[in-house]
Amino acid sequence: MISDQLDDINFIVQKEFAPLSESMLNTAPASGKWSISECLDHLVISNETYFAAFDSVLSGKYLPNWWGRINPFSGFIGKKGLQIISSDTAKLKSPKIFAPGKPGEVHNIATKFANHQQRLKIYFDRLENRKLLNEVISSPVAAAITFKIGDVLEILAEHERRHIKQAIHAKQLLNRKK
C-alpha cells in the first residue's frame, strides 16, 4: 500500500533531523536554498491543501467541478505529474500556496512532521481501503488540473521523498561548513 511508504519517510526524518538543533534546522545551506525546516514545512503545507478534498470524498459529499467530471486527461495528468516529480533533474518552482514558513519561523519541525505523517497516513489508508483511488479531484493549485486520487497519493509520497533528499543534502552541506 502507498500509505506504508509514509512510515519509511517519517523514520528517515526522525533519524536524520530530530536530533538537530533548531539553529541547524533553520539555517539555509546556501543563498536561495531551503533550510531543512523549510523542506519539511513545505511538505506539511502542500499535503494539507488536499485534506479538504479527501474529507469530502471520504464523506461521499465530494462534487467534482464540471471539468473534473468530463476531463479525459485526469489519468494522464497524474501519471505525467508523477513522472516529473520523480525526476532528479527537474527543477520545479513551488506554487505560492505551498510555500513554507520563513527561516526561523518554523519550530519543532520533526515533531510537527511526525504528527502530520500520522494524519496523512490515516487519509491514505482510508482512501485506499474504501477503493476510492479512481475518484477524480481538482488540484489545489488550479481547479482545471484534475487527478485520480490514486495518482495524488503516489505524487504526494514521491514529493515527500524528493524533499527529504533535498533536506538530507542541505544537512550534508551544513555539516561541511562546520
C-alpha atoms as a PDB file:
ATOM      1  CA  MET A   1       0.000   0.000   0.000  1.00  0.00           C
ATOM      2  CA  ILE A   2       1.120   3.521  -0.735  1.00  0.00           C
ATOM      3  CA  SER A   3       0.495   4.515   2.884  1.00  0.00           C
ATOM      4  CA  ASP A   4       3.291   2.196   4.068  1.00  0.00           C
ATOM      5  CA  GLN A   5       5.798   4.460   2.324  1.00  0.00           C
ATOM      6  CA  LEU A   6       4.898   7.260   4.743  1.00  0.00           C
ATOM      7  CA  ASP A   7       6.249   5.261   7.695  1.00  0.00           C
ATOM      8  CA  ASP A   8       9.584   4.843   5.917  1.00  0.00           C
ATOM      9  CA  ILE A   9       9.728   8.551   5.139  1.00  0.00           C
ATOM     10  CA  ASN A  10       8.899   9.515   8.717  1.00  0.00           C
ATOM     11  CA  PHE A  11      11.554   7.108  10.033  1.00  0.00           C
ATOM     12  CA  ILE A  12      14.191   8.841   7.890  1.00  0.00           C
ATOM     13  CA  VAL A  13      13.027  12.294   9.019  1.00  0.00           C
ATOM     14  CA  GLN A  14      13.172  11.351  12.700  1.00  0.00           C
ATOM     15  CA  LYS A  15      16.576   9.663  12.340  1.00  0.00           C
ATOM     16  CA  GLU A  16      18.176  12.418  10.265  1.00  0.00           C
ATOM     17  CA  PHE A  17      16.607  15.588  11.629  1.00  0.00           C
ATOM     18  CA  ALA A  18      15.035  15.131  15.092  1.00  0.00           C
ATOM     19  CA  PRO A  19      18.446  15.229  16.846  1.00  0.00           C
ATOM     20  CA  LEU A  20      19.458  18.500  15.150  1.00  0.00           C
ATOM     21  CA  SER A  21      19.349  21.900  16.818  1.00  0.00           C
ATOM     22  CA  GLU A  22      16.718  24.472  15.852  1.00  0.00           C
ATOM     23  CA  SER A  23      19.561  26.604  14.537  1.00  0.00           C
ATOM     24  CA  MET A  24      20.790  23.910  12.164  1.00  0.00           C
ATOM     25  CA  LEU A  25      17.266  23.024  11.067  1.00  0.00           C
ATOM     26  CA  ASN A  26      16.539  26.661  10.232  1.00  0.00           C
ATOM     27  CA  THR A  27      19.832  27.513   8.503  1.00  0.00           C
ATOM     28  CA  ALA A  28      19.802  27.517   4.720  1.00  0.00           C
ATOM     29  CA  PRO A  29      22.856  25.737   3.293  1.00  0.00           C
ATOM     30  CA  ALA A  30      23.335  28.475   0.676  1.00  0.00           C
ATOM     31  CA  SER A  31      21.643  31.593  -0.603  1.00  0.00           C
ATOM     32  CA  GLY A  32      18.422  30.731  -2.408  1.00  0.00           C
ATOM     33  CA  LYS A  33      18.324  27.208  -0.949  1.00  0.00           C
ATOM     34  CA  TRP A  34      15.750  25.970   1.546  1.00  0.00           C
ATOM     35  CA  SER A  35      16.690  25.019   5.087  1.00  0.00           C
ATOM     36  CA  ILE A  36      15.791  21.581   6.414  1.00  0.00           C
ATOM     37  CA  SER A  37      12.815  23.107   8.247  1.00  0.00           C
ATOM     38  CA  GLU A  38      11.603  24.797   5.080  1.00  0.00           C
ATOM     39  CA  CYS A  39      11.761  21.495   3.151  1.00  0.00           C
ATOM     40  CA  LEU A  40       9.714  19.699   5.802  1.00  0.00           C
ATOM     41  CA  ASP A  41       7.295  22.579   6.368  1.00  0.00           C
ATOM     42  CA  HIS A  42       6.681  22.754   2.615  1.00  0.00           C
ATOM     43  CA  LEU A  43       5.635  19.093   2.672  1.00  0.00           C
ATOM     44  CA  VAL A  44       3.235  19.616   5.568  1.00  0.00           C
ATOM     45  CA  ILE A  45       1.683  22.689   3.924  1.00  0.00           C
ATOM     46  CA  SER A  46       1.394  21.182   0.443  1.00  0.00           C
ATOM     47  CA  ASN A  47      -0.062  17.884   1.698  1.00  0.00           C
ATOM     48  CA  GLU A  48      -2.627  19.669   3.877  1.00  0.00           C
ATOM     49  CA  THR A  49      -4.053  21.500   0.857  1.00  0.00           C
ATOM     50  CA  TYR A  50      -5.549  18.146  -0.199  1.00  0.00           C
ATOM     51  CA  PHE A  51      -7.205  17.344   3.140  1.00  0.00           C
ATOM     52  CA  ALA A  52     -10.483  19.154   2.438  1.00  0.00           C
ATOM     53  CA  ALA A  53     -10.928  17.219  -0.828  1.00  0.00           C
ATOM     54  CA  PHE A  54     -10.013  13.950   0.914  1.00  0.00           C
ATOM     55  CA  ASP A  55     -12.569  14.641   3.669  1.00  0.00           C
ATOM     56  CA  SER A  56     -15.213  15.438   1.108  1.00  0.00           C
ATOM     57  CA  VAL A  57     -14.548  12.282  -0.926  1.00  0.00           C
ATOM     58  CA  LEU A  58     -14.490  10.102   2.189  1.00  0.00           C
ATOM     59  CA  SER A  59     -17.819  11.537   3.365  1.00  0.00           C
ATOM     60  CA  GLY A  60     -19.381  10.930  -0.052  1.00  0.00           C
ATOM     61  CA  LYS A  61     -20.089  14.639  -0.470  1.00  0.00           C
ATOM     62  CA  TYR A  62     -17.391  15.498  -2.997  1.00  0.00           C
ATOM     63  CA  LEU A  63     -18.732  17.048  -6.173  1.00  0.00           C
ATOM     64  CA  PRO A  64     -16.115  17.395  -8.873  1.00  0.00           C
ATOM     65  CA  ASN A  65     -16.282  20.591 -10.891  1.00  0.00           C
ATOM     66  CA  TRP A  66     -17.688  20.268 -14.413  1.00  0.00           C
ATOM     67  CA  TRP A  67     -14.214  19.763 -15.874  1.00  0.00           C
ATOM     68  CA  GLY A  68     -13.361  17.092 -13.329  1.00  0.00           C
ATOM     69  CA  ARG A  69     -16.440  15.140 -14.392  1.00  0.00           C
ATOM     70  CA  ILE A  70     -15.561  15.144 -18.104  1.00  0.00           C
ATOM     71  CA  ASN A  71     -11.772  15.587 -18.237  1.00  0.00           C
ATOM     72  CA  PRO A  72     -10.453  12.634 -20.237  1.00  0.00           C
ATOM     73  CA  PHE A  73      -6.868  13.530 -19.250  1.00  0.00           C
ATOM     74  CA  SER A  74      -7.061  13.094 -15.444  1.00  0.00           C
ATOM     75  CA  GLY A  75      -5.193   9.770 -15.542  1.00  0.00           C
ATOM     76  CA  PHE A  76      -2.606  11.106 -17.986  1.00  0.00           C
ATOM     77  CA  ILE A  77      -2.055  14.277 -15.945  1.00  0.00           C
ATOM     78  CA  GLY A  78      -1.500  12.243 -12.788  1.00  0.00           C
ATOM     79  CA  LYS A  79       0.994   9.891 -14.409  1.00  0.00           C
ATOM     80  CA  LYS A  80       2.818  12.801 -16.053  1.00  0.00           C
ATOM     81  CA  GLY A  81       2.907  14.688 -12.743  1.00  0.00           C
ATOM     82  CA  LEU A  82       4.380  11.645 -11.028  1.00  0.00           C
ATOM     83  CA  GLN A  83       6.977  11.271 -13.775  1.00  0.00           C
ATOM     84  CA  ILE A  84       8.023  14.920 -13.441  1.00  0.00           C
ATOM     85  CA  ILE A  85       8.207  14.922  -9.657  1.00  0.00           C
ATOM     86  CA  SER A  86      10.161  11.638  -9.711  1.00  0.00           C
ATOM     87  CA  SER A  87      12.869  13.164 -11.886  1.00  0.00           C
ATOM     88  CA  ASP A  88      16.029  14.107 -10.012  1.00  0.00           C
ATOM     89  CA  THR A  89      16.931  16.564 -12.752  1.00  0.00           C
ATOM     90  CA  ALA A  90      13.676  18.527 -12.986  1.00  0.00           C
ATOM     91  CA  LYS A  91      13.821  21.887 -11.188  1.00  0.00           C
ATOM     92  CA  LEU A  92      10.332  22.838 -10.129  1.00  0.00           C
ATOM     93  CA  LYS A  93       9.150  26.145  -8.729  1.00  0.00           C
ATOM     94  CA  SER A  94       6.785  25.639  -5.822  1.00  0.00           C
ATOM     95  CA  PRO A  95       3.375  27.308  -6.163  1.00  0.00           C
ATOM     96  CA  LYS A  96       2.849  30.093  -3.621  1.00  0.00           C
ATOM     97  CA  ILE A  97       0.138  28.186  -1.735  1.00  0.00           C
ATOM     98  CA  PHE A  98       2.757  25.521  -0.938  1.00  0.00           C
ATOM     99  CA  ALA A  99       5.374  27.999   0.331  1.00  0.00           C
ATOM    100  CA  PRO A 100       6.982  27.108   3.665  1.00  0.00           C
ATOM    101  CA  GLY A 101       7.254  29.443   6.617  1.00  0.00           C
ATOM    102  CA  LYS A 102      10.185  31.828   6.673  1.00  0.00           C
ATOM    103  CA  PRO A 103      13.507  30.603   8.053  1.00  0.00           C
ATOM    104  CA  GLY A 104      13.431  30.741  11.844  1.00  0.00           C
ATOM    105  CA  GLU A 105       9.611  30.784  11.977  1.00  0.00           C
ATOM    106  CA  VAL A 106       9.205  27.011  11.971  1.00  0.00           C
ATOM    107  CA  HIS A 107       9.870  25.317  15.308  1.00  0.00           C
ATOM    108  CA  ASN A 108       9.836  21.653  16.371  1.00  0.00           C
ATOM    109  CA  ILE A 109       9.614  20.636  12.730  1.00  0.00           C
ATOM    110  CA  ALA A 110      10.483  16.954  13.284  1.00  0.00           C
ATOM    111  CA  THR A 111       7.599  16.610  15.760  1.00  0.00           C
ATOM    112  CA  LYS A 112       5.282  18.638  13.533  1.00  0.00           C
ATOM    113  CA  PHE A 113       6.213  16.421  10.584  1.00  0.00           C
ATOM    114  CA  ALA A 114       5.689  13.192  12.578  1.00  0.00           C
ATOM    115  CA  ASN A 115       2.228  14.327  13.693  1.00  0.00           C
ATOM    116  CA  HIS A 116       1.408  15.341  10.146  1.00  0.00           C
ATOM    117  CA  GLN A 117       2.552  11.966   8.776  1.00  0.00           C
ATOM    118  CA  GLN A 118       0.224  10.147  11.169  1.00  0.00           C
ATOM    119  CA  ARG A 119      -2.691  12.221   9.922  1.00  0.00           C
ATOM    120  CA  LEU A 120      -1.667  11.805   6.265  1.00  0.00           C
ATOM    121  CA  LYS A 121      -1.320   8.044   6.701  1.00  0.00           C
ATOM    122  CA  ILE A 122      -4.881   7.862   8.039  1.00  0.00           C
ATOM    123  CA  TYR A 123      -6.117   9.598   4.888  1.00  0.00           C
ATOM    124  CA  PHE A 124      -4.060   7.303   2.650  1.00  0.00           C
ATOM    125  CA  ASP A 125      -5.309   4.184   4.465  1.00  0.00           C
ATOM    126  CA  ARG A 126      -8.947   5.260   4.382  1.00  0.00           C
ATOM    127  CA  LEU A 127      -8.835   6.232   0.692  1.00  0.00           C
ATOM    128  CA  GLU A 128      -7.053   3.013  -0.284  1.00  0.00           C
ATOM    129  CA  ASN A 129      -9.291   0.766   1.853  1.00  0.00           C
ATOM    130  CA  ARG A 130     -12.505   2.275   0.521  1.00  0.00           C
ATOM    131  CA  LYS A 131     -11.412   1.746  -3.070  1.00  0.00           C
ATOM    132  CA  LEU A 132     -11.608   5.456  -3.870  1.00  0.00           C
ATOM    133  CA  LEU A 133      -8.381   5.608  -5.882  1.00  0.00           C
ATOM    134  CA  ASN A 134     -10.166   6.239  -9.189  1.00  0.00           C
ATOM    135  CA  GLU A 135     -12.193   9.187  -7.872  1.00  0.00           C
ATOM    136  CA  VAL A 136     -11.126  12.433  -9.548  1.00  0.00           C
ATOM    137  CA  ILE A 137     -10.286  15.589  -7.568  1.00  0.00           C
ATOM    138  CA  SER A 138      -9.038  19.007  -8.576  1.00  0.00           C
ATOM    139  CA  SER A 139      -5.591  20.276  -7.790  1.00  0.00           C
ATOM    140  CA  PRO A 140      -5.455  22.874  -5.005  1.00  0.00           C
ATOM    141  CA  VAL A 141      -3.256  24.932  -7.339  1.00  0.00           C
ATOM    142  CA  ALA A 142      -5.715  25.126 -10.241  1.00  0.00           C
ATOM    143  CA  ALA A 143      -9.217  23.648 -10.469  1.00  0.00           C
ATOM    144  CA  ALA A 144      -8.727  22.828 -14.158  1.00  0.00           C
ATOM    145  CA  ILE A 145      -5.998  20.326 -13.229  1.00  0.00           C
ATOM    146  CA  THR A 146      -7.650  17.101 -12.171  1.00  0.00           C
ATOM    147  CA  PHE A 147      -6.125  13.884 -10.881  1.00  0.00           C
ATOM    148  CA  LYS A 148      -7.268  10.457  -9.837  1.00  0.00           C
ATOM    149  CA  ILE A 149      -6.841  10.106  -6.070  1.00  0.00           C
ATOM    150  CA  GLY A 150      -4.544   7.104  -6.547  1.00  0.00           C
ATOM    151  CA  ASP A 151      -2.222   9.310  -8.590  1.00  0.00           C
ATOM    152  CA  VAL A 152      -2.425  12.086  -5.986  1.00  0.00           C
ATOM    153  CA  LEU A 153      -1.332   9.669  -3.244  1.00  0.00           C
ATOM    154  CA  GLU A 154       1.614   8.474  -5.330  1.00  0.00           C
ATOM    155  CA  ILE A 155       2.567  12.058  -6.178  1.00  0.00           C
ATOM    156  CA  LEU A 156       2.420  13.125  -2.519  1.00  0.00           C
ATOM    157  CA  ALA A 157       4.622  10.192  -1.429  1.00  0.00           C
ATOM    158  CA  GLU A 158       7.130  10.862  -4.212  1.00  0.00           C
ATOM    159  CA  HIS A 159       7.053  14.590  -3.446  1.00  0.00           C
ATOM    160  CA  GLU A 160       7.994  13.747   0.136  1.00  0.00           C
ATOM    161  CA  ARG A 161      10.883  11.528  -0.987  1.00  0.00           C
ATOM    162  CA  ARG A 162      12.136  14.304  -3.248  1.00  0.00           C
ATOM    163  CA  HIS A 163      12.196  16.922  -0.487  1.00  0.00           C
ATOM    164  CA  ILE A 164      13.629  14.531   2.093  1.00  0.00           C
ATOM    165  CA  LYS A 165      16.560  14.028  -0.292  1.00  0.00           C
ATOM    166  CA  GLN A 166      16.808  17.817  -0.568  1.00  0.00           C
ATOM    167  CA  ALA A 167      16.806  18.174   3.234  1.00  0.00           C
ATOM    168  CA  ILE A 168      19.480  15.469   3.615  1.00  0.00           C
ATOM    169  CA  HIS A 169      21.586  17.293   1.037  1.00  0.00           C
ATOM    170  CA  ALA A 170      21.103  20.545   2.988  1.00  0.00           C
ATOM    171  CA  LYS A 171      22.277  18.749   6.150  1.00  0.00           C
ATOM    172  CA  GLN A 172      25.359  17.440   4.358  1.00  0.00           C
ATOM    173  CA  LEU A 173      26.222  20.930   3.086  1.00  0.00           C
ATOM    174  CA  LEU A 174      25.780  22.418   6.554  1.00  0.00           C
ATOM    175  CA  ASN A 175      27.995  19.706   8.086  1.00  0.00           C
ATOM    176  CA  ARG A 176      30.738  20.516   5.569  1.00  0.00           C
ATOM    177  CA  LYS A 177      30.651  24.176   6.650  1.00  0.00           C
ATOM    178  CA  LYS A 178      31.398  23.286  10.280  1.00  0.00           C
END
